[in-house]
Amino acid sequence: MRMQYIARAAIACVAMTLSFAATAASSDDWYAGVGFGQSENKTRVAKIAGTGFTGSLDNEDSSWKAFGGYRLWDQYVAVEASYIDLGKTTASSSTLSGTQEIKAFTIGVVGYIPIVDPFGAIIHLGFSRNDSRTETVTGSTGTFSGATDFEFYWGAGLQFDITKNIGVRAELERFSVNGGDVNLRSAGVYYRF
């Protein structure tokens, strides 16, 4: 319950900041981009396939994300929102099969630390709304469960500006989803407008 209040307060602060920023916007402060990579679901196997599971587990999948943001103070701090498809985890044995799909919506702050112009490090910190859907089939009986939670997320990476308006990123982000952790390694491109 407390986390929901914190998430709502953070979203309200970001909305107020963005509305203020929109009135004072200069060129190339807004940006949008896409990233592609691989997720690794660290969720306990018991959540997907039940306790006592023995079989194969595929906990890595391809992932993608779309993100956009606004740079608040020069190039050093930005507010960023993203939609992320964290892929699917599959567990299977001779008597059971189970899958878990995870998607996330994030809003947070991105800090930029210049190393050598135009190259630098980035740090993410914010809130994520995670939707996970788990389906388990044993014989001819299937069960389905879904969960939505609000959690902190964090990440770090490297960023390189190819031109004034186009750049690339390599990132590692961690999400807490339904009692477990999901890591996302991605590379992406963004455009400032």
N, C-alpha and C. Protein backbone atom coordinates (compact mmCIF):
# COMPACT_ATOMS: atom_id res chain seq x y z
N MET A 1 0.82 -1.18 0.00
CA MET A 1 0.00 0.00 0.00
C MET A 1 0.87 1.25 0.00
N ARG A 2 1.90 1.25 0.84
CA ARG A 2 2.78 2.41 0.93
C ARG A 2 3.48 2.66 -0.40
N MET A 3 3.87 1.57 -1.08
CA MET A 3 4.56 1.68 -2.36
C MET A 3 3.68 2.35 -3.40
N GLN A 4 2.37 2.09 -3.36
CA GLN A 4 1.45 2.73 -4.30
C GLN A 4 1.41 4.23 -4.10
N TYR A 5 1.42 4.67 -2.83
CA TYR A 5 1.43 6.11 -2.56
C TYR A 5 2.72 6.76 -3.05
N ILE A 6 3.84 6.06 -2.83
CA ILE A 6 5.13 6.59 -3.30
C ILE A 6 5.14 6.66 -4.82
N ALA A 7 4.62 5.62 -5.48
CA ALA A 7 4.59 5.62 -6.95
C ALA A 7 3.70 6.73 -7.47
N ARG A 8 2.53 6.93 -6.85
CA ARG A 8 1.65 8.01 -7.28
C ARG A 8 2.28 9.38 -7.08
N ALA A 9 2.96 9.56 -5.95
CA ALA A 9 3.63 10.84 -5.69
C ALA A 9 4.74 11.08 -6.70
N ALA A 10 5.49 10.03 -7.04
CA ALA A 10 6.57 10.18 -8.02
C ALA A 10 6.01 10.52 -9.40
N ILE A 11 4.93 9.86 -9.79
CA ILE A 11 4.32 10.14 -11.09
C ILE A 11 3.79 11.57 -11.12
N ALA A 12 3.19 12.03 -10.03
CA ALA A 12 2.69 13.41 -9.97
C ALA A 12 3.83 14.42 -10.08
N CYS A 13 4.95 14.15 -9.40
CA CYS A 13 6.12 15.05 -9.49
C CYS A 13 6.68 15.10 -10.90
N VAL A 14 6.78 13.93 -11.53
CA VAL A 14 7.30 13.88 -12.90
C VAL A 14 6.35 14.62 -13.84
N ALA A 15 5.04 14.45 -13.67
CA ALA A 15 4.07 15.14 -14.53
C ALA A 15 4.19 16.65 -14.38
N MET A 16 4.34 17.14 -13.14
CA MET A 16 4.50 18.58 -12.93
C MET A 16 5.80 19.08 -13.54
N THR A 17 6.86 18.29 -13.39
CA THR A 17 8.15 18.67 -13.96
C THR A 17 8.07 18.74 -15.48
N LEU A 18 7.43 17.74 -16.08
CA LEU A 18 7.31 17.72 -17.54
C LEU A 18 6.47 18.88 -18.06
N SER A 19 5.40 19.24 -17.34
CA SER A 19 4.59 20.36 -17.80
C SER A 19 5.36 21.67 -17.68
N PHE A 20 6.17 21.81 -16.63
CA PHE A 20 7.01 23.00 -16.51
C PHE A 20 8.08 23.00 -17.61
N ALA A 21 8.65 21.83 -17.84
CA ALA A 21 9.71 21.72 -18.84
C ALA A 21 9.20 22.02 -20.23
N ALA A 22 7.95 21.63 -20.51
CA ALA A 22 7.40 21.86 -21.84
C ALA A 22 7.29 23.35 -22.14
N THR A 23 7.05 24.16 -21.13
CA THR A 23 6.94 25.59 -21.36
C THR A 23 8.30 26.24 -21.55
N ALA A 24 9.33 25.61 -20.99
CA ALA A 24 10.67 26.20 -21.08
C ALA A 24 11.59 25.40 -21.99
N ALA A 25 11.02 24.58 -22.84
CA ALA A 25 11.83 23.67 -23.65
C ALA A 25 12.68 24.40 -24.68
N SER A 26 13.90 23.95 -24.76
CA SER A 26 14.76 24.42 -25.84
C SER A 26 14.95 23.25 -26.79
N SER A 27 15.66 23.49 -27.87
CA SER A 27 15.82 22.42 -28.84
C SER A 27 16.64 21.28 -28.27
N ASP A 28 16.44 20.12 -28.76
CA ASP A 28 17.07 18.85 -28.46
C ASP A 28 17.06 18.43 -26.99
N ASP A 29 16.08 18.89 -26.20
CA ASP A 29 15.94 18.40 -24.83
C ASP A 29 15.07 17.15 -24.76
N TRP A 30 14.14 16.99 -25.70
CA TRP A 30 13.30 15.80 -25.77
C TRP A 30 14.03 14.73 -26.57
N TYR A 31 13.85 13.46 -26.17
CA TYR A 31 14.46 12.37 -26.93
C TYR A 31 13.55 11.13 -26.87
N ALA A 32 13.74 10.26 -27.83
CA ALA A 32 13.01 8.99 -27.89
C ALA A 32 13.93 7.95 -28.50
N GLY A 33 13.70 6.70 -28.13
CA GLY A 33 14.55 5.66 -28.67
C GLY A 33 13.99 4.27 -28.48
N VAL A 34 14.70 3.29 -29.01
CA VAL A 34 14.35 1.88 -28.87
C VAL A 34 15.60 1.11 -28.49
N GLY A 35 15.39 0.00 -27.81
CA GLY A 35 16.49 -0.86 -27.44
C GLY A 35 16.11 -2.32 -27.61
N PHE A 36 17.09 -3.15 -27.86
CA PHE A 36 16.87 -4.59 -28.03
C PHE A 36 17.94 -5.31 -27.23
N GLY A 37 17.56 -6.44 -26.64
CA GLY A 37 18.53 -7.16 -25.85
C GLY A 37 18.01 -8.49 -25.37
N GLN A 38 18.51 -8.90 -24.20
CA GLN A 38 18.16 -10.19 -23.63
C GLN A 38 17.84 -10.02 -22.16
N SER A 39 16.75 -10.68 -21.74
CA SER A 39 16.36 -10.66 -20.33
C SER A 39 16.70 -12.00 -19.71
N GLU A 40 16.96 -11.95 -18.41
CA GLU A 40 17.21 -13.16 -17.64
C GLU A 40 16.31 -13.11 -16.41
N ASN A 41 15.38 -14.04 -16.33
CA ASN A 41 14.40 -14.09 -15.25
C ASN A 41 14.97 -14.90 -14.09
N LYS A 42 15.17 -14.25 -12.95
CA LYS A 42 15.72 -14.92 -11.78
C LYS A 42 14.63 -15.39 -10.82
N THR A 43 13.36 -15.35 -11.28
CA THR A 43 12.24 -15.79 -10.46
C THR A 43 12.41 -17.26 -10.09
N ARG A 44 12.05 -17.58 -8.89
CA ARG A 44 12.16 -18.97 -8.44
C ARG A 44 11.32 -19.88 -9.34
N VAL A 45 11.83 -21.05 -9.63
CA VAL A 45 11.14 -22.01 -10.50
C VAL A 45 9.79 -22.38 -9.88
N ALA A 46 9.68 -22.39 -8.56
CA ALA A 46 8.43 -22.76 -7.89
C ALA A 46 7.28 -21.84 -8.29
N LYS A 47 7.57 -20.58 -8.61
CA LYS A 47 6.51 -19.66 -9.02
C LYS A 47 5.96 -20.02 -10.39
N ILE A 48 6.78 -20.62 -11.23
CA ILE A 48 6.35 -20.96 -12.59
C ILE A 48 5.82 -22.39 -12.66
N ALA A 49 6.56 -23.34 -12.09
CA ALA A 49 6.23 -24.75 -12.29
C ALA A 49 5.84 -25.47 -11.01
N GLY A 50 5.82 -24.81 -9.88
CA GLY A 50 5.45 -25.46 -8.62
C GLY A 50 6.66 -26.00 -7.88
N THR A 51 6.44 -26.34 -6.61
CA THR A 51 7.54 -26.86 -5.79
C THR A 51 7.89 -28.27 -6.22
N GLY A 52 9.12 -28.64 -6.03
CA GLY A 52 9.58 -29.97 -6.38
C GLY A 52 9.77 -30.20 -7.87
N PHE A 53 9.82 -29.14 -8.66
CA PHE A 53 9.94 -29.27 -10.11
C PHE A 53 11.32 -29.80 -10.49
N THR A 54 11.33 -30.80 -11.36
CA THR A 54 12.58 -31.26 -11.98
C THR A 54 12.32 -31.34 -13.47
N GLY A 55 13.09 -30.64 -14.22
CA GLY A 55 12.91 -30.59 -15.66
C GLY A 55 13.80 -29.49 -16.22
N SER A 56 13.46 -29.03 -17.42
CA SER A 56 14.28 -28.00 -18.05
C SER A 56 13.66 -26.62 -17.83
N LEU A 57 14.52 -25.63 -17.74
CA LEU A 57 14.10 -24.26 -17.52
C LEU A 57 14.85 -23.37 -18.51
N ASP A 58 14.11 -22.59 -19.27
CA ASP A 58 14.69 -21.59 -20.17
C ASP A 58 14.32 -20.23 -19.63
N ASN A 59 15.24 -19.59 -18.91
CA ASN A 59 14.92 -18.32 -18.25
C ASN A 59 15.51 -17.11 -18.96
N GLU A 60 15.97 -17.26 -20.19
CA GLU A 60 16.48 -16.13 -20.97
C GLU A 60 15.65 -16.00 -22.25
N ASP A 61 15.37 -14.76 -22.63
CA ASP A 61 14.57 -14.53 -23.83
C ASP A 61 14.96 -13.18 -24.42
N SER A 62 14.68 -13.00 -25.70
CA SER A 62 14.94 -11.70 -26.32
C SER A 62 13.92 -10.69 -25.79
N SER A 63 14.34 -9.46 -25.68
CA SER A 63 13.51 -8.39 -25.12
C SER A 63 13.67 -7.13 -25.95
N TRP A 64 12.74 -6.21 -25.75
CA TRP A 64 12.83 -4.92 -26.43
C TRP A 64 12.21 -3.86 -25.54
N LYS A 65 12.55 -2.62 -25.83
CA LYS A 65 11.95 -1.51 -25.09
C LYS A 65 11.87 -0.27 -25.96
N ALA A 66 10.88 0.56 -25.64
CA ALA A 66 10.74 1.88 -26.26
C ALA A 66 10.79 2.89 -25.12
N PHE A 67 11.57 3.94 -25.29
CA PHE A 67 11.72 4.91 -24.21
C PHE A 67 11.71 6.33 -24.75
N GLY A 68 11.43 7.25 -23.87
CA GLY A 68 11.43 8.67 -24.22
C GLY A 68 11.65 9.48 -22.96
N GLY A 69 12.18 10.67 -23.14
CA GLY A 69 12.45 11.48 -21.96
C GLY A 69 12.71 12.93 -22.29
N TYR A 70 12.97 13.67 -21.23
CA TYR A 70 13.25 15.10 -21.32
C TYR A 70 14.44 15.42 -20.43
N ARG A 71 15.46 16.09 -21.00
CA ARG A 71 16.63 16.49 -20.22
C ARG A 71 16.30 17.75 -19.43
N LEU A 72 16.43 17.68 -18.11
CA LEU A 72 16.05 18.79 -17.24
C LEU A 72 17.16 19.81 -17.07
N TRP A 73 18.33 19.37 -16.66
CA TRP A 73 19.44 20.27 -16.40
C TRP A 73 20.57 19.95 -17.36
N ASP A 74 20.63 20.75 -18.41
CA ASP A 74 21.65 20.56 -19.43
C ASP A 74 21.63 19.10 -19.87
N GLN A 75 22.75 18.42 -19.83
CA GLN A 75 22.79 17.03 -20.27
C GLN A 75 22.89 16.05 -19.11
N TYR A 76 22.87 16.54 -17.88
CA TYR A 76 23.22 15.69 -16.74
C TYR A 76 22.07 14.96 -16.08
N VAL A 77 20.85 15.48 -16.15
CA VAL A 77 19.70 14.82 -15.52
C VAL A 77 18.52 14.83 -16.48
N ALA A 78 17.85 13.69 -16.59
CA ALA A 78 16.67 13.59 -17.45
C ALA A 78 15.59 12.79 -16.73
N VAL A 79 14.35 13.05 -17.10
CA VAL A 79 13.22 12.24 -16.67
C VAL A 79 12.89 11.34 -17.86
N GLU A 80 12.72 10.04 -17.59
CA GLU A 80 12.53 9.10 -18.69
C GLU A 80 11.42 8.11 -18.35
N ALA A 81 10.62 7.78 -19.34
CA ALA A 81 9.58 6.75 -19.24
C ALA A 81 9.85 5.71 -20.31
N SER A 82 9.50 4.45 -20.01
CA SER A 82 9.72 3.40 -21.00
C SER A 82 8.69 2.29 -20.86
N TYR A 83 8.48 1.59 -21.96
CA TYR A 83 7.70 0.35 -21.98
C TYR A 83 8.68 -0.76 -22.35
N ILE A 84 8.67 -1.84 -21.57
CA ILE A 84 9.65 -2.90 -21.78
C ILE A 84 8.95 -4.26 -21.82
N ASP A 85 9.23 -5.03 -22.86
CA ASP A 85 8.79 -6.41 -22.94
C ASP A 85 9.96 -7.25 -22.46
N LEU A 86 9.81 -7.84 -21.27
CA LEU A 86 10.91 -8.60 -20.66
C LEU A 86 10.91 -10.08 -21.04
N GLY A 87 10.13 -10.45 -22.02
CA GLY A 87 10.21 -11.79 -22.57
C GLY A 87 9.45 -12.84 -21.79
N LYS A 88 9.76 -14.11 -22.10
CA LYS A 88 9.04 -15.25 -21.55
C LYS A 88 10.02 -16.26 -20.98
N THR A 89 9.67 -16.82 -19.82
CA THR A 89 10.42 -17.90 -19.20
C THR A 89 9.60 -19.17 -19.34
N THR A 90 10.25 -20.27 -19.71
CA THR A 90 9.54 -21.53 -19.94
C THR A 90 10.16 -22.64 -19.10
N ALA A 91 9.29 -23.39 -18.41
CA ALA A 91 9.71 -24.57 -17.66
C ALA A 91 8.94 -25.75 -18.22
N SER A 92 9.62 -26.88 -18.39
CA SER A 92 8.93 -28.05 -18.93
C SER A 92 9.52 -29.35 -18.40
N SER A 93 8.65 -30.34 -18.28
CA SER A 93 9.06 -31.69 -17.92
C SER A 93 8.11 -32.65 -18.63
N SER A 94 8.20 -33.93 -18.33
CA SER A 94 7.34 -34.90 -19.00
C SER A 94 5.88 -34.77 -18.58
N THR A 95 5.61 -34.17 -17.43
CA THR A 95 4.23 -34.05 -16.94
C THR A 95 3.73 -32.62 -16.81
N LEU A 96 4.59 -31.64 -17.02
CA LEU A 96 4.20 -30.26 -16.74
C LEU A 96 4.87 -29.30 -17.70
N SER A 97 4.17 -28.22 -18.02
CA SER A 97 4.81 -27.12 -18.74
C SER A 97 4.28 -25.81 -18.13
N GLY A 98 5.16 -24.84 -18.03
CA GLY A 98 4.78 -23.57 -17.45
C GLY A 98 5.50 -22.42 -18.14
N THR A 99 4.83 -21.28 -18.24
CA THR A 99 5.44 -20.09 -18.82
C THR A 99 5.12 -18.88 -17.95
N GLN A 100 6.01 -17.92 -17.98
CA GLN A 100 5.78 -16.63 -17.33
C GLN A 100 6.22 -15.54 -18.30
N GLU A 101 5.29 -14.63 -18.63
CA GLU A 101 5.59 -13.48 -19.48
C GLU A 101 5.55 -12.23 -18.63
N ILE A 102 6.50 -11.32 -18.88
CA ILE A 102 6.61 -10.11 -18.06
C ILE A 102 6.75 -8.89 -18.95
N LYS A 103 5.99 -7.86 -18.59
CA LYS A 103 6.08 -6.57 -19.26
C LYS A 103 6.17 -5.50 -18.17
N ALA A 104 6.83 -4.39 -18.46
CA ALA A 104 7.00 -3.34 -17.45
C ALA A 104 6.84 -1.96 -18.07
N PHE A 105 6.32 -1.05 -17.28
CA PHE A 105 6.27 0.37 -17.62
C PHE A 105 7.07 1.09 -16.55
N THR A 106 8.04 1.91 -16.95
CA THR A 106 8.90 2.57 -15.97
C THR A 106 8.81 4.08 -16.09
N ILE A 107 9.09 4.73 -14.98
CA ILE A 107 9.26 6.18 -14.97
C ILE A 107 10.33 6.47 -13.93
N GLY A 108 11.31 7.26 -14.31
CA GLY A 108 12.41 7.51 -13.39
C GLY A 108 13.32 8.62 -13.85
N VAL A 109 14.43 8.70 -13.17
CA VAL A 109 15.44 9.72 -13.42
C VAL A 109 16.67 9.03 -14.02
N VAL A 110 17.26 9.67 -15.02
CA VAL A 110 18.49 9.18 -15.62
C VAL A 110 19.58 10.22 -15.41
N GLY A 111 20.66 9.82 -14.78
CA GLY A 111 21.80 10.70 -14.59
C GLY A 111 22.88 10.39 -15.61
N TYR A 112 23.52 11.43 -16.11
CA TYR A 112 24.59 11.27 -17.11
C TYR A 112 25.89 11.77 -16.50
N ILE A 113 26.93 10.94 -16.55
CA ILE A 113 28.24 11.30 -16.04
C ILE A 113 29.20 11.29 -17.22
N PRO A 114 29.67 12.50 -17.66
CA PRO A 114 30.58 12.52 -18.81
C PRO A 114 31.93 11.88 -18.47
N ILE A 115 32.44 11.10 -19.40
CA ILE A 115 33.77 10.52 -19.24
C ILE A 115 34.74 11.25 -20.16
N VAL A 116 34.50 11.15 -21.46
CA VAL A 116 35.23 11.90 -22.48
C VAL A 116 34.20 12.29 -23.53
N ASP A 117 34.10 13.57 -23.83
CA ASP A 117 33.10 14.04 -24.78
C ASP A 117 33.27 13.32 -26.11
N PRO A 118 32.29 12.68 -26.64
CA PRO A 118 30.86 12.57 -26.38
C PRO A 118 30.44 11.26 -25.71
N PHE A 119 31.27 10.71 -24.84
CA PHE A 119 31.07 9.39 -24.24
C PHE A 119 30.85 9.56 -22.74
N GLY A 120 29.89 8.80 -22.17
CA GLY A 120 29.64 8.92 -20.74
C GLY A 120 28.90 7.72 -20.18
N ALA A 121 28.75 7.73 -18.86
CA ALA A 121 28.02 6.69 -18.15
C ALA A 121 26.63 7.21 -17.80
N ILE A 122 25.66 6.31 -17.75
CA ILE A 122 24.31 6.69 -17.34
C ILE A 122 23.87 5.80 -16.19
N ILE A 123 23.04 6.38 -15.32
CA ILE A 123 22.50 5.67 -14.16
C ILE A 123 20.99 5.89 -14.14
N HIS A 124 20.22 4.81 -14.02
CA HIS A 124 18.76 4.87 -13.94
C HIS A 124 18.32 4.61 -12.50
N LEU A 125 17.28 5.29 -12.07
CA LEU A 125 16.65 5.00 -10.78
C LEU A 125 15.21 5.45 -10.87
N GLY A 126 14.27 4.56 -10.55
CA GLY A 126 12.88 4.95 -10.65
C GLY A 126 11.93 3.86 -10.21
N PHE A 127 10.69 3.98 -10.66
CA PHE A 127 9.63 3.04 -10.33
C PHE A 127 9.24 2.27 -11.58
N SER A 128 8.86 1.02 -11.38
CA SER A 128 8.36 0.23 -12.49
C SER A 128 7.03 -0.42 -12.09
N ARG A 129 6.13 -0.45 -13.05
CA ARG A 129 4.86 -1.16 -12.90
C ARG A 129 5.02 -2.43 -13.71
N ASN A 130 5.06 -3.57 -13.03
CA ASN A 130 5.36 -4.84 -13.67
C ASN A 130 4.11 -5.70 -13.76
N ASP A 131 3.86 -6.22 -14.94
CA ASP A 131 2.75 -7.15 -15.16
C ASP A 131 3.34 -8.50 -15.52
N SER A 132 3.03 -9.51 -14.70
CA SER A 132 3.51 -10.87 -15.01
C SER A 132 2.31 -11.79 -15.13
N ARG A 133 2.37 -12.68 -16.12
CA ARG A 133 1.31 -13.67 -16.35
C ARG A 133 1.96 -15.05 -16.36
N THR A 134 1.46 -15.90 -15.50
CA THR A 134 2.01 -17.24 -15.37
C THR A 134 0.94 -18.25 -15.73
N GLU A 135 1.29 -19.21 -16.58
CA GLU A 135 0.38 -20.27 -16.99
C GLU A 135 1.07 -21.60 -16.81
N THR A 136 0.40 -22.52 -16.13
CA THR A 136 0.96 -23.85 -15.88
C THR A 136 -0.03 -24.90 -16.36
N VAL A 137 0.46 -25.89 -17.08
CA VAL A 137 -0.38 -26.98 -17.58
C VAL A 137 0.19 -28.30 -17.06
N THR A 138 -0.65 -29.03 -16.32
CA THR A 138 -0.29 -30.35 -15.82
C THR A 138 -1.29 -31.33 -16.40
N GLY A 139 -0.83 -32.21 -17.27
CA GLY A 139 -1.74 -33.13 -17.95
C GLY A 139 -2.70 -32.33 -18.83
N SER A 140 -3.98 -32.41 -18.53
CA SER A 140 -4.97 -31.63 -19.29
C SER A 140 -5.52 -30.47 -18.46
N THR A 141 -4.94 -30.22 -17.30
CA THR A 141 -5.41 -29.15 -16.41
C THR A 141 -4.46 -27.97 -16.49
N GLY A 142 -5.04 -26.79 -16.74
CA GLY A 142 -4.24 -25.58 -16.82
C GLY A 142 -4.64 -24.59 -15.74
N THR A 143 -3.66 -23.87 -15.24
CA THR A 143 -3.92 -22.79 -14.28
C THR A 143 -3.27 -21.52 -14.80
N PHE A 144 -3.91 -20.41 -14.52
CA PHE A 144 -3.42 -19.11 -14.97
C PHE A 144 -3.43 -18.16 -13.79
N SER A 145 -2.38 -17.37 -13.67
CA SER A 145 -2.36 -16.33 -12.64
C SER A 145 -1.65 -15.11 -13.19
N GLY A 146 -2.07 -13.97 -12.72
CA GLY A 146 -1.46 -12.72 -13.13
C GLY A 146 -1.16 -11.88 -11.91
N ALA A 147 -0.15 -11.05 -12.00
CA ALA A 147 0.21 -10.17 -10.89
C ALA A 147 0.69 -8.85 -11.45
N THR A 148 0.31 -7.79 -10.78
CA THR A 148 0.81 -6.45 -11.10
C THR A 148 1.40 -5.88 -9.83
N ASP A 149 2.61 -5.38 -9.91
CA ASP A 149 3.22 -4.78 -8.74
C ASP A 149 4.00 -3.53 -9.11
N PHE A 150 4.19 -2.67 -8.12
CA PHE A 150 4.98 -1.45 -8.27
C PHE A 150 6.24 -1.62 -7.45
N GLU A 151 7.39 -1.48 -8.09
CA GLU A 151 8.67 -1.68 -7.42
C GLU A 151 9.68 -0.64 -7.90
N PHE A 152 10.76 -0.51 -7.16
CA PHE A 152 11.88 0.29 -7.62
C PHE A 152 12.62 -0.48 -8.70
N TYR A 153 13.25 0.22 -9.61
CA TYR A 153 14.15 -0.42 -10.56
C TYR A 153 15.40 0.44 -10.63
N TRP A 154 16.47 -0.13 -11.08
CA TRP A 154 17.72 0.62 -11.24
C TRP A 154 18.48 0.05 -12.44
N GLY A 155 19.42 0.82 -12.90
CA GLY A 155 20.23 0.38 -14.03
C GLY A 155 21.43 1.27 -14.22
N ALA A 156 22.33 0.82 -15.05
CA ALA A 156 23.54 1.57 -15.39
C ALA A 156 23.97 1.19 -16.79
N GLY A 157 24.73 2.06 -17.42
CA GLY A 157 25.19 1.77 -18.76
C GLY A 157 26.13 2.81 -19.30
N LEU A 158 26.39 2.73 -20.59
CA LEU A 158 27.26 3.66 -21.29
C LEU A 158 26.49 4.28 -22.45
N GLN A 159 26.81 5.53 -22.73
CA GLN A 159 26.12 6.27 -23.79
C GLN A 159 27.15 6.99 -24.66
N PHE A 160 26.89 6.97 -25.97
CA PHE A 160 27.80 7.63 -26.91
C PHE A 160 26.97 8.44 -27.90
N ASP A 161 27.26 9.73 -28.01
CA ASP A 161 26.57 10.60 -28.97
C ASP A 161 27.30 10.54 -30.31
N ILE A 162 26.65 9.97 -31.32
CA ILE A 162 27.23 9.88 -32.65
C ILE A 162 27.22 11.26 -33.31
N THR A 163 26.08 11.94 -33.22
CA THR A 163 25.94 13.32 -33.70
C THR A 163 25.24 14.10 -32.59
N LYS A 164 24.92 15.34 -32.86
CA LYS A 164 24.21 16.15 -31.86
C LYS A 164 22.84 15.57 -31.54
N ASN A 165 22.21 14.91 -32.50
CA ASN A 165 20.85 14.40 -32.31
C ASN A 165 20.74 12.88 -32.21
N ILE A 166 21.75 12.13 -32.56
CA ILE A 166 21.66 10.67 -32.58
C ILE A 166 22.73 10.08 -31.66
N GLY A 167 22.32 9.10 -30.87
CA GLY A 167 23.26 8.44 -29.97
C GLY A 167 22.90 6.98 -29.76
N VAL A 168 23.80 6.26 -29.10
CA VAL A 168 23.60 4.85 -28.80
C VAL A 168 23.85 4.61 -27.31
N ARG A 169 23.23 3.56 -26.80
CA ARG A 169 23.36 3.17 -25.40
C ARG A 169 23.58 1.67 -25.28
N ALA A 170 24.30 1.27 -24.23
CA ALA A 170 24.37 -0.12 -23.80
C ALA A 170 24.05 -0.10 -22.31
N GLU A 171 23.08 -0.93 -21.88
CA GLU A 171 22.58 -0.81 -20.51
C GLU A 171 22.37 -2.18 -19.85
N LEU A 172 22.41 -2.17 -18.53
CA LEU A 172 22.00 -3.29 -17.70
C LEU A 172 21.00 -2.72 -16.70
N GLU A 173 19.79 -3.30 -16.67
CA GLU A 173 18.77 -2.83 -15.74
C GLU A 173 18.24 -4.02 -14.95
N ARG A 174 17.83 -3.75 -13.70
CA ARG A 174 17.28 -4.81 -12.85
C ARG A 174 15.90 -4.40 -12.34
N PHE A 175 14.96 -5.36 -12.46
CA PHE A 175 13.57 -5.16 -12.05
C PHE A 175 13.22 -6.22 -11.01
N SER A 176 12.46 -5.84 -9.99
CA SER A 176 11.90 -6.80 -9.03
C SER A 176 10.48 -7.10 -9.49
N VAL A 177 10.23 -8.36 -9.82
CA VAL A 177 8.93 -8.75 -10.37
C VAL A 177 8.39 -9.95 -9.60
N ASN A 178 7.26 -9.77 -8.94
CA ASN A 178 6.53 -10.87 -8.32
C ASN A 178 7.43 -11.73 -7.43
N GLY A 179 8.24 -11.08 -6.61
CA GLY A 179 9.10 -11.79 -5.67
C GLY A 179 10.41 -12.27 -6.23
N GLY A 180 10.75 -11.95 -7.47
CA GLY A 180 12.03 -12.35 -8.05
C GLY A 180 12.64 -11.20 -8.82
N ASP A 181 13.83 -11.40 -9.32
CA ASP A 181 14.53 -10.36 -10.08
C ASP A 181 14.61 -10.73 -11.55
N VAL A 182 14.53 -9.71 -12.41
CA VAL A 182 14.72 -9.89 -13.84
C VAL A 182 15.77 -8.89 -14.29
N ASN A 183 16.81 -9.38 -14.95
CA ASN A 183 17.87 -8.53 -15.49
C ASN A 183 17.63 -8.32 -16.98
N LEU A 184 17.90 -7.10 -17.44
CA LEU A 184 17.79 -6.79 -18.87
C LEU A 184 19.10 -6.20 -19.34
N ARG A 185 19.72 -6.86 -20.30
CA ARG A 185 20.91 -6.33 -20.98
C ARG A 185 20.45 -5.88 -22.35
N SER A 186 20.70 -4.60 -22.69
CA SER A 186 20.19 -4.11 -23.97
C SER A 186 21.14 -3.12 -24.60
N ALA A 187 20.96 -2.95 -25.90
CA ALA A 187 21.66 -1.91 -26.66
C ALA A 187 20.58 -1.18 -27.45
N GLY A 188 20.72 0.12 -27.55
CA GLY A 188 19.68 0.89 -28.23
C GLY A 188 20.20 2.13 -28.89
N VAL A 189 19.30 2.77 -29.60
CA VAL A 189 19.60 4.01 -30.30
C VAL A 189 18.53 5.03 -29.91
N TYR A 190 18.92 6.30 -29.81
CA TYR A 190 17.94 7.35 -29.49
C TYR A 190 18.16 8.55 -30.39
N TYR A 191 17.10 9.36 -30.46
CA TYR A 191 17.11 10.55 -31.29
C TYR A 191 16.61 11.73 -30.46
N ARG A 192 17.35 12.83 -30.46
CA ARG A 192 16.93 14.07 -29.78
C ARG A 192 16.23 14.98 -30.77
N PHE A 193 15.13 15.57 -30.34
CA PHE A 193 14.40 16.47 -31.23
C PHE A 193 13.96 17.72 -30.48
